[in-house]
Amino acid sequence: SISWMKSVAWSYELFIQYFSLNRAFDSEIELFQRFALHLHLGTINLKTGYDETGLGWKALGVTAATTATRNLTALFDWIVDKNPNVKHINPVVVGDSFEKRMNLCAYQHRRSKAMLGNTWLATKEEIESARMSGRQRKGTTENKEPPSFPEEHFERLLLEGFRVGKKHSLREILIVLLLHCGGFRESEPFQLFAGDVIPDPDNYLKAMVLIHHPQRGLAPSDWRDEKGRPIHGTRRDYLQAKFGMLPRNEILGTRHAGWKPRIHEAEYGSEFLRTYWFEPWWGEFFLAVWYKYLAQILLLERKHPFAFVNIGRAPIGDMYKVGKFNDAHADAVSRIGLEVSKAAGTTPHGHRHAYAQRLRKGKVDENLVRRAMHHSSVASQEIYTAPSLEEVMKCLQEATANLDRSASASASSHKLMEILIH
């Protein structure tokens, strides 16, 4: 993916910066170990204030430092595989007895959590090997409130936030409906083709929206050869043949729209993410707005098949960008008097959290939540469905009221209070 390539390039850039100023090491292994250490701790000696590396790095943090170390280790593995005579900077070595036991425990933990983990077979190298991982124990944190968009302000966002003058921005409203009422990530609606929205066969007033895989999804039915016969192929084939372009998750630059590996549904010869409207009547509202939006873009010249396009600003008809939507969303949030921040849940991703919270409060079975959010594991949705502080406190109060307290227990409580006070 584009994000993976950027991450590897960033890691390699850090290593080159470090290596260009620090070469006095006895071995390549020592070089890598010191590099990984400085990623975690920074390069400035806190006792003396002196920086022997000349880099002036602050500590990256556990997650970023571990990511850089893993990226480089994989890169060096690949280099040595292509050039066997090159020395590996972070080679695999035989671990001691403690490392072997820890590797076995880690393997068993990964296996127990993985889908089809019962089919895994550990190699001898996996259990007995060791190398510098750069990993440190991070611990876990829990937010006071899950960062979900506040439900009490959602309708105001649609009616007032995305309104400029006397006109509503239908494009932004449609995207936000997919995020808030369909649970999608912010980049996924930007993969939508204009023909991917149709009336639901079970309810013609409600929209059936299928967001197809940008590469493996089935090409639209209007793709035909010179004789008018339908061409069966993937969306990647379709984009290349008809428009001379790559899928949006492969494009570099501002037109890029990401796509995270998910559990896709397979039907009609395609792979896609189905929209599970919650609550269902939002699907009817979406379809009504969709028809009005189609009337806006019907006569625009488009050199691509994507649904969301530039309307009021040049280049008219060009693909609408994720960054522009983020700006429009922030403006809309500010317009209704809310602070724009991830912690407050008022960024686009906060809508996905709000969708999951509504499913949880509606007591939807966790396996159905997993399917609606297109997760591969039930554990993946825990960050989205965590209870709020208010809910925890209320639950504890109700639990306290449910306790069978005897008069003697109450008397003991008062006696303890008197002892503490006096």
Protein backbone atom coordinates (compact mmCIF):
# COMPACT_ATOMS: atom_id res chain seq x y z
CA SER A 1 0.00 0.00 0.00
CA ILE A 2 1.00 3.63 -0.37
CA SER A 3 1.00 4.13 3.40
CA TRP A 4 3.30 1.11 3.87
CA MET A 5 5.75 2.42 1.26
CA LYS A 6 5.82 5.82 2.93
CA SER A 7 6.43 4.18 6.30
CA VAL A 8 9.37 2.13 4.98
CA ALA A 9 10.86 5.18 3.24
CA TRP A 10 10.55 7.21 6.45
CA SER A 11 12.30 4.44 8.45
CA TYR A 12 15.13 4.19 5.94
CA GLU A 13 15.56 7.97 5.94
CA LEU A 14 16.00 7.92 9.73
CA PHE A 15 18.62 5.18 9.47
CA ILE A 16 20.56 6.99 6.74
CA GLN A 17 20.59 10.17 8.84
CA TYR A 18 21.91 8.20 11.81
CA PHE A 19 24.50 6.25 9.84
CA SER A 20 25.84 9.34 8.03
CA LEU A 21 26.90 10.91 11.34
CA ASN A 22 27.65 7.82 13.43
CA ARG A 23 30.04 5.22 12.03
CA ALA A 24 32.29 4.43 15.00
CA PHE A 25 30.90 1.00 15.82
CA ASP A 26 32.61 -2.35 16.19
CA SER A 27 29.95 -4.18 14.19
CA GLU A 28 26.84 -3.69 12.12
CA ILE A 29 24.79 -5.31 14.89
CA GLU A 30 26.00 -2.76 17.44
CA LEU A 31 25.16 0.05 15.00
CA PHE A 32 21.58 -1.16 14.67
CA GLN A 33 21.17 -1.71 18.41
CA ARG A 34 22.35 1.83 19.19
CA PHE A 35 20.11 3.23 16.45
CA ALA A 36 17.05 1.43 17.85
CA LEU A 37 17.92 2.61 21.37
CA HIS A 38 18.15 6.24 20.25
CA LEU A 39 14.79 5.97 18.51
CA HIS A 40 13.20 5.03 21.83
CA LEU A 41 15.17 7.32 24.16
CA GLY A 42 16.30 10.19 21.94
CA THR A 43 19.93 11.15 21.33
CA ILE A 44 20.45 13.77 24.05
CA ASN A 45 22.09 12.64 27.31
CA LEU A 46 19.72 13.87 30.02
CA LYS A 47 22.49 14.07 32.64
CA THR A 48 25.03 16.06 30.64
CA GLY A 49 22.82 17.65 27.99
CA TYR A 50 25.37 16.50 25.38
CA ASP A 51 24.37 14.84 22.12
CA GLU A 52 27.18 12.63 20.88
CA THR A 53 25.30 11.77 17.68
CA GLY A 54 24.83 15.35 16.48
CA LEU A 55 21.22 14.61 15.54
CA GLY A 56 19.22 16.23 18.33
CA TRP A 57 16.48 13.60 18.16
CA LYS A 58 13.67 13.46 20.69
CA ALA A 59 12.28 10.08 21.71
CA LEU A 60 9.93 8.83 19.00
CA GLY A 61 7.61 6.90 21.26
CA VAL A 62 7.13 3.15 21.51
CA THR A 63 4.82 2.68 18.52
CA ALA A 64 6.80 4.77 16.01
CA ALA A 65 10.19 3.44 17.15
CA THR A 66 9.03 -0.18 16.94
CA THR A 67 7.51 0.43 13.49
CA ALA A 68 10.79 1.91 12.21
CA THR A 69 12.78 -1.03 13.58
CA ARG A 70 10.47 -3.61 12.05
CA ASN A 71 10.44 -1.85 8.69
CA LEU A 72 14.23 -1.78 8.54
CA THR A 73 14.59 -5.38 9.65
CA ALA A 74 12.26 -6.48 6.85
CA LEU A 75 14.13 -4.29 4.38
CA PHE A 76 17.51 -5.75 5.40
CA ASP A 77 16.08 -9.27 5.14
CA TRP A 78 15.05 -8.47 1.57
CA ILE A 79 18.45 -6.94 0.69
CA VAL A 80 20.36 -9.94 2.02
CA ASP A 81 17.99 -12.30 0.21
CA LYS A 82 18.81 -10.53 -3.07
CA ASN A 83 22.51 -10.14 -2.24
CA PRO A 84 23.70 -13.08 -0.10
CA ASN A 85 27.23 -11.63 0.27
CA VAL A 86 25.97 -8.51 2.06
CA LYS A 87 26.18 -8.48 5.86
CA HIS A 88 22.86 -8.33 7.66
CA ILE A 89 22.64 -5.42 10.09
CA ASN A 90 20.05 -7.13 12.28
CA PRO A 91 20.54 -10.86 11.69
CA VAL A 92 18.67 -13.76 13.21
CA VAL A 93 20.74 -15.46 15.89
CA VAL A 94 20.15 -18.46 18.14
CA GLY A 95 18.42 -17.26 21.31
CA ASP A 96 19.14 -18.41 24.84
CA SER A 97 16.74 -20.65 26.75
CA PHE A 98 14.70 -17.70 28.07
CA GLU A 99 14.25 -16.21 24.58
CA LYS A 100 13.19 -19.60 23.22
CA ARG A 101 10.50 -19.93 25.90
CA MET A 102 9.29 -16.36 25.29
CA ASN A 103 9.15 -16.95 21.53
CA LEU A 104 7.07 -20.08 22.06
CA CYS A 105 4.65 -18.21 24.37
CA ALA A 106 4.33 -15.35 21.88
CA TYR A 107 3.70 -17.79 19.03
CA GLN A 108 1.01 -19.62 20.99
CA HIS A 109 -0.67 -16.29 21.87
CA ARG A 110 -0.73 -15.16 18.22
CA ARG A 111 -2.04 -18.55 17.17
CA SER A 112 -4.88 -18.50 19.71
CA LYS A 113 -6.03 -15.05 18.48
CA ALA A 114 -5.76 -15.69 14.76
CA MET A 115 -8.49 -16.92 12.47
CA LEU A 116 -7.64 -20.55 11.44
CA GLY A 117 -4.79 -20.44 13.97
CA ASN A 118 -5.25 -24.17 14.51
CA THR A 119 -3.67 -24.70 11.08
CA TRP A 120 -0.45 -22.88 12.01
CA LEU A 121 2.80 -24.79 12.35
CA ALA A 122 5.74 -23.18 14.10
CA THR A 123 9.15 -23.62 12.50
CA LYS A 124 12.22 -24.41 14.56
CA GLU A 125 13.71 -21.04 13.59
CA GLU A 126 10.66 -19.17 14.90
CA ILE A 127 11.02 -20.75 18.33
CA GLU A 128 14.82 -20.73 18.67
CA SER A 129 15.74 -17.46 16.96
CA ALA A 130 16.27 -14.00 18.40
CA ARG A 131 17.13 -10.58 17.03
CA MET A 132 16.91 -6.92 17.96
CA SER A 133 13.23 -6.03 17.69
CA GLY A 134 13.30 -2.58 19.23
CA ARG A 135 10.03 -3.41 20.93
CA GLN A 136 9.33 -2.07 24.39
CA ARG A 137 6.30 -2.72 26.52
CA LYS A 138 3.91 0.13 25.91
CA GLY A 139 1.05 -0.70 28.22
CA THR A 140 -2.48 0.30 27.38
CA THR A 141 -4.49 3.46 27.82
CA GLU A 142 -8.20 4.08 27.92
CA ASN A 143 -9.89 7.31 26.96
CA LYS A 144 -12.34 8.98 29.30
CA GLU A 145 -14.84 8.89 26.44
CA PRO A 146 -14.68 6.91 23.17
CA PRO A 147 -13.90 9.51 20.45
CA SER A 148 -17.28 9.28 18.73
CA PHE A 149 -19.19 12.10 17.09
CA PRO A 150 -21.83 13.39 19.55
CA GLU A 151 -25.21 12.05 18.45
CA GLU A 152 -27.11 15.08 19.73
CA HIS A 153 -25.33 17.28 17.17
CA PHE A 154 -25.47 14.99 14.12
CA GLU A 155 -28.68 16.33 12.58
CA ARG A 156 -27.45 19.89 13.14
CA LEU A 157 -24.26 18.97 11.30
CA LEU A 158 -26.30 17.84 8.30
CA LEU A 159 -28.82 20.68 8.26
CA GLU A 160 -26.71 23.61 9.48
CA GLY A 161 -23.06 22.59 9.22
CA PHE A 162 -23.17 21.64 5.57
CA ARG A 163 -25.25 24.62 4.59
CA VAL A 164 -23.72 27.71 3.01
CA GLY A 165 -26.22 30.46 2.36
CA LYS A 166 -29.44 28.86 1.21
CA LYS A 167 -27.82 25.74 -0.27
CA HIS A 168 -26.86 22.46 1.34
CA SER A 169 -23.72 20.64 0.21
CA LEU A 170 -25.31 17.36 -0.85
CA ARG A 171 -21.97 15.74 -1.63
CA GLU A 172 -20.66 16.17 1.92
CA ILE A 173 -23.98 15.09 3.41
CA LEU A 174 -23.87 11.84 1.41
CA ILE A 175 -20.31 11.09 2.50
CA VAL A 176 -21.08 11.79 6.15
CA LEU A 177 -24.15 9.54 5.99
CA LEU A 178 -21.95 6.69 4.78
CA LEU A 179 -19.54 7.30 7.68
CA HIS A 180 -22.04 7.91 10.47
CA CYS A 181 -24.92 5.65 9.46
CA GLY A 182 -22.97 3.03 7.47
CA GLY A 183 -19.81 2.84 9.62
CA PHE A 184 -17.26 3.35 6.84
CA ARG A 185 -13.78 4.81 7.19
CA GLU A 186 -13.37 8.29 5.76
CA SER A 187 -11.48 7.24 2.60
CA GLU A 188 -13.79 4.38 1.57
CA PRO A 189 -16.69 6.42 0.11
CA PHE A 190 -14.16 7.94 -2.31
CA GLN A 191 -13.90 4.52 -4.01
CA LEU A 192 -17.60 4.65 -4.90
CA PHE A 193 -18.59 4.66 -8.58
CA ALA A 194 -21.72 6.53 -9.63
CA GLY A 195 -23.40 3.21 -10.50
CA ASP A 196 -22.73 1.61 -7.13
CA VAL A 197 -25.88 3.05 -5.55
CA ILE A 198 -29.22 1.47 -6.48
CA PRO A 199 -32.62 1.08 -4.78
CA ASP A 200 -32.68 -1.85 -2.38
CA PRO A 201 -34.70 -4.73 -3.94
CA ASP A 202 -36.38 -5.30 -0.55
CA ASN A 203 -37.30 -1.63 -0.14
CA TYR A 204 -37.13 0.62 -3.19
CA LEU A 205 -37.15 3.71 -1.00
CA LYS A 206 -33.85 2.68 0.62
CA ALA A 207 -30.40 2.80 -0.97
CA MET A 208 -28.33 -0.34 -1.44
CA VAL A 209 -24.73 0.86 -1.50
CA LEU A 210 -21.90 -1.55 -2.33
CA ILE A 211 -18.39 -0.11 -2.15
CA HIS A 212 -16.36 -2.48 -4.32
CA HIS A 213 -12.73 -3.42 -3.76
CA PRO A 214 -10.70 -0.84 -5.74
CA GLN A 215 -8.69 -3.53 -7.54
CA ARG A 216 -10.63 -6.80 -7.31
CA GLY A 217 -14.14 -5.41 -7.53
CA LEU A 218 -16.15 -6.25 -10.64
CA ALA A 219 -16.07 -3.67 -13.43
CA PRO A 220 -19.36 -1.84 -14.17
CA SER A 221 -21.77 -3.47 -16.58
CA ASP A 222 -21.48 -0.56 -19.05
CA TRP A 223 -17.95 -1.65 -20.04
CA ARG A 224 -18.38 -3.13 -23.53
CA ASP A 225 -16.25 -3.97 -26.55
CA GLU A 226 -16.58 -2.61 -30.11
CA LYS A 227 -19.45 -5.01 -30.83
CA GLY A 228 -21.38 -3.98 -27.73
CA ARG A 229 -20.64 -7.16 -25.81
CA PRO A 230 -20.01 -6.80 -22.06
CA ILE A 231 -16.39 -7.07 -20.94
CA HIS A 232 -15.88 -9.04 -17.77
CA GLY A 233 -12.95 -7.80 -15.71
CA THR A 234 -11.86 -6.14 -12.51
CA ARG A 235 -12.13 -2.49 -11.59
CA ARG A 236 -8.39 -2.18 -11.97
CA ASP A 237 -8.65 -3.43 -15.56
CA TYR A 238 -11.59 -1.11 -16.20
CA LEU A 239 -9.83 2.01 -14.91
CA GLN A 240 -6.69 1.29 -16.91
CA ALA A 241 -8.45 0.42 -20.17
CA LYS A 242 -11.14 3.09 -20.20
CA PHE A 243 -9.54 6.00 -18.34
CA GLY A 244 -5.81 5.24 -18.32
CA MET A 245 -5.62 5.53 -14.54
CA LEU A 246 -4.82 3.45 -11.47
CA PRO A 247 -7.22 2.64 -8.62
CA ARG A 248 -7.29 5.49 -6.12
CA ASN A 249 -5.51 3.51 -3.41
CA GLU A 250 -2.52 3.12 -5.78
CA ILE A 251 -2.35 6.77 -6.85
CA LEU A 252 0.36 8.93 -5.29
CA GLY A 253 -0.50 12.49 -4.33
CA THR A 254 -3.63 14.32 -3.24
CA ARG A 255 -6.05 12.17 -5.29
CA HIS A 256 -5.08 9.12 -3.24
CA ALA A 257 -7.85 7.41 -1.24
CA GLY A 258 -6.79 4.56 1.03
CA TRP A 259 -8.25 1.09 1.37
CA LYS A 260 -7.60 -1.01 4.46
CA PRO A 261 -7.65 -4.82 4.19
CA ARG A 262 -11.05 -5.95 5.48
CA ILE A 263 -13.48 -8.84 5.41
CA HIS A 264 -15.23 -8.38 2.08
CA GLU A 265 -18.47 -9.90 0.93
CA ALA A 266 -18.34 -11.87 -2.31
CA GLU A 267 -21.35 -11.88 -4.59
CA TYR A 268 -22.22 -11.04 -8.19
CA GLY A 269 -18.63 -12.04 -9.10
CA SER A 270 -17.23 -9.15 -7.09
CA GLU A 271 -15.73 -8.28 -3.70
CA PHE A 272 -17.27 -5.36 -1.85
CA LEU A 273 -18.28 -3.76 1.44
CA ARG A 274 -22.05 -3.64 1.87
CA THR A 275 -23.65 -0.72 3.67
CA TYR A 276 -25.63 -1.82 6.73
CA TRP A 277 -27.69 1.25 7.54
CA PHE A 278 -28.25 1.89 11.22
CA GLU A 279 -30.83 3.04 11.76
CA PRO A 280 -32.36 1.62 8.53
CA TRP A 281 -34.41 4.73 7.72
CA TRP A 282 -31.15 6.60 7.07
CA GLY A 283 -30.90 4.48 3.91
CA GLU A 284 -34.11 6.07 2.67
CA PHE A 285 -32.84 9.54 3.48
CA PHE A 286 -29.57 8.76 1.65
CA LEU A 287 -31.36 7.68 -1.53
CA ALA A 288 -33.50 10.83 -1.57
CA VAL A 289 -30.39 13.03 -1.27
CA TRP A 290 -28.54 10.85 -3.80
CA TYR A 291 -31.12 11.53 -6.52
CA LYS A 292 -30.75 15.27 -5.97
CA TYR A 293 -26.96 14.96 -6.10
CA LEU A 294 -27.08 13.01 -9.38
CA ALA A 295 -29.07 15.87 -10.89
CA GLN A 296 -26.20 18.21 -9.94
CA ILE A 297 -23.47 16.18 -11.65
CA LEU A 298 -25.46 14.75 -14.57
CA LEU A 299 -24.17 17.23 -17.17
CA LEU A 300 -20.64 17.60 -15.80
CA GLU A 301 -17.79 16.27 -17.91
CA ARG A 302 -16.02 13.53 -15.99
CA LYS A 303 -12.87 11.70 -17.04
CA HIS A 304 -13.34 9.05 -14.37
CA PRO A 305 -16.20 6.92 -12.99
CA PHE A 306 -16.08 8.06 -9.36
CA ALA A 307 -19.25 9.35 -7.75
CA PHE A 308 -17.98 12.29 -5.72
CA VAL A 309 -16.64 15.13 -7.87
CA ASN A 310 -15.76 18.81 -7.79
CA ILE A 311 -18.88 20.89 -8.39
CA GLY A 312 -18.29 24.52 -7.52
CA ARG A 313 -14.52 24.78 -7.93
CA ALA A 314 -12.10 23.97 -10.72
CA PRO A 315 -11.32 21.53 -12.08
CA ILE A 316 -15.08 20.95 -12.38
CA GLY A 317 -15.96 17.26 -12.61
CA ASP A 318 -12.58 16.09 -11.33
CA MET A 319 -12.32 13.54 -8.49
CA TYR A 320 -13.20 14.99 -5.10
CA LYS A 321 -10.23 14.68 -2.72
CA VAL A 322 -10.20 13.25 0.79
CA GLY A 323 -8.24 16.27 2.03
CA LYS A 324 -10.85 18.68 0.69
CA PHE A 325 -13.58 16.72 2.44
CA ASN A 326 -11.64 16.89 5.71
CA ASP A 327 -11.47 20.67 5.36
CA ALA A 328 -15.19 20.90 4.56
CA HIS A 329 -16.04 18.66 7.53
CA ALA A 330 -13.94 20.79 9.89
CA ASP A 331 -15.66 23.94 8.62
CA ALA A 332 -19.08 22.36 9.15
CA VAL A 333 -18.20 21.29 12.70
CA SER A 334 -17.00 24.81 13.51
CA ARG A 335 -20.14 26.26 11.92
CA ILE A 336 -22.33 24.55 14.52
CA GLY A 337 -20.10 25.71 17.37
CA LEU A 338 -18.13 22.52 18.13
CA GLU A 339 -14.39 22.12 18.60
CA VAL A 340 -12.62 20.13 15.87
CA SER A 341 -10.49 17.47 17.56
CA LYS A 342 -9.96 13.73 17.54
CA ALA A 343 -10.52 13.53 21.30
CA ALA A 344 -13.95 15.16 20.93
CA GLY A 345 -14.88 12.74 18.13
CA THR A 346 -15.51 15.61 15.72
CA THR A 347 -13.11 14.45 13.00
CA PRO A 348 -14.50 12.24 10.18
CA HIS A 349 -13.37 9.04 11.91
CA GLY A 350 -15.52 9.94 14.91
CA HIS A 351 -18.57 8.98 12.85
CA ARG A 352 -17.40 5.36 12.60
CA HIS A 353 -17.05 5.30 16.39
CA ALA A 354 -20.55 6.74 16.73
CA TYR A 355 -21.93 4.01 14.44
CA ALA A 356 -20.35 1.30 16.60
CA GLN A 357 -21.59 2.91 19.81
CA ARG A 358 -25.17 2.96 18.52
CA LEU A 359 -24.94 -0.72 17.61
CA ARG A 360 -23.69 -1.54 21.10
CA LYS A 361 -26.36 0.52 22.83
CA GLY A 362 -28.94 -1.13 20.60
CA LYS A 363 -27.72 -4.48 22.01
CA VAL A 364 -26.74 -5.82 18.60
CA ASP A 365 -24.88 -9.14 18.88
CA GLU A 366 -21.11 -8.67 18.71
CA ASN A 367 -20.80 -10.99 15.70
CA LEU A 368 -23.35 -8.88 13.84
CA VAL A 369 -21.42 -5.75 14.83
CA ARG A 370 -18.29 -7.36 13.39
CA ARG A 371 -20.07 -8.00 10.10
CA ALA A 372 -21.65 -4.54 9.93
CA MET A 373 -18.23 -2.94 10.48
CA HIS A 374 -16.47 -5.43 8.18
CA HIS A 375 -13.97 -6.51 10.81
CA SER A 376 -12.05 -9.76 10.55
CA SER A 377 -12.25 -10.38 14.31
CA VAL A 378 -14.65 -9.52 17.12
CA ALA A 379 -11.64 -8.19 19.05
CA SER A 380 -11.10 -5.51 16.38
CA GLN A 381 -14.25 -3.65 17.39
CA GLU A 382 -13.41 -3.31 21.10
CA ILE A 383 -11.86 0.12 20.59
CA TYR A 384 -15.06 1.28 18.89
CA THR A 385 -17.56 -0.18 21.36
CA ALA A 386 -15.92 0.67 24.69
CA PRO A 387 -18.40 2.14 27.19
CA SER A 388 -18.20 5.82 28.14
CA LEU A 389 -17.24 7.06 31.60
CA GLU A 390 -20.83 8.16 32.20
CA GLU A 391 -22.11 4.67 31.38
CA VAL A 392 -19.57 3.02 33.71
CA MET A 393 -20.47 5.31 36.62
CA LYS A 394 -24.20 4.82 36.05
CA CYS A 395 -23.76 1.04 35.91
CA LEU A 396 -21.82 1.05 39.19
CA GLN A 397 -24.55 3.12 40.86
CA GLU A 398 -27.22 0.68 39.67
CA ALA A 399 -25.10 -2.27 40.83
CA THR A 400 -24.73 -0.69 44.26
CA ALA A 401 -28.50 -0.27 44.51
CA ASN A 402 -28.95 -3.94 43.59
CA LEU A 403 -26.74 -5.18 46.45
CA ASP A 404 -28.54 -6.90 49.32
CA ARG A 405 -27.28 -4.72 52.17
CA SER A 406 -28.16 -5.80 55.71
CA ALA A 407 -28.55 -3.40 58.64
CA SER A 408 -25.36 -4.76 60.21
CA ALA A 409 -23.36 -4.04 57.06
CA SER A 410 -24.68 -0.49 57.03
CA ALA A 411 -23.78 -0.07 60.71
CA SER A 412 -20.25 -1.36 60.05
CA SER A 413 -19.85 1.19 57.29
CA HIS A 414 -20.85 4.05 59.59
CA LYS A 415 -18.51 2.78 62.32
CA LEU A 416 -15.56 2.71 59.90
CA MET A 417 -16.32 6.26 58.83
CA GLU A 418 -16.30 7.45 62.44
CA ILE A 419 -12.93 5.82 63.07
CA LEU A 420 -11.38 7.43 59.99
CA ILE A 421 -12.78 10.89 60.77
CA HIS A 422 -11.85 10.95 64.44
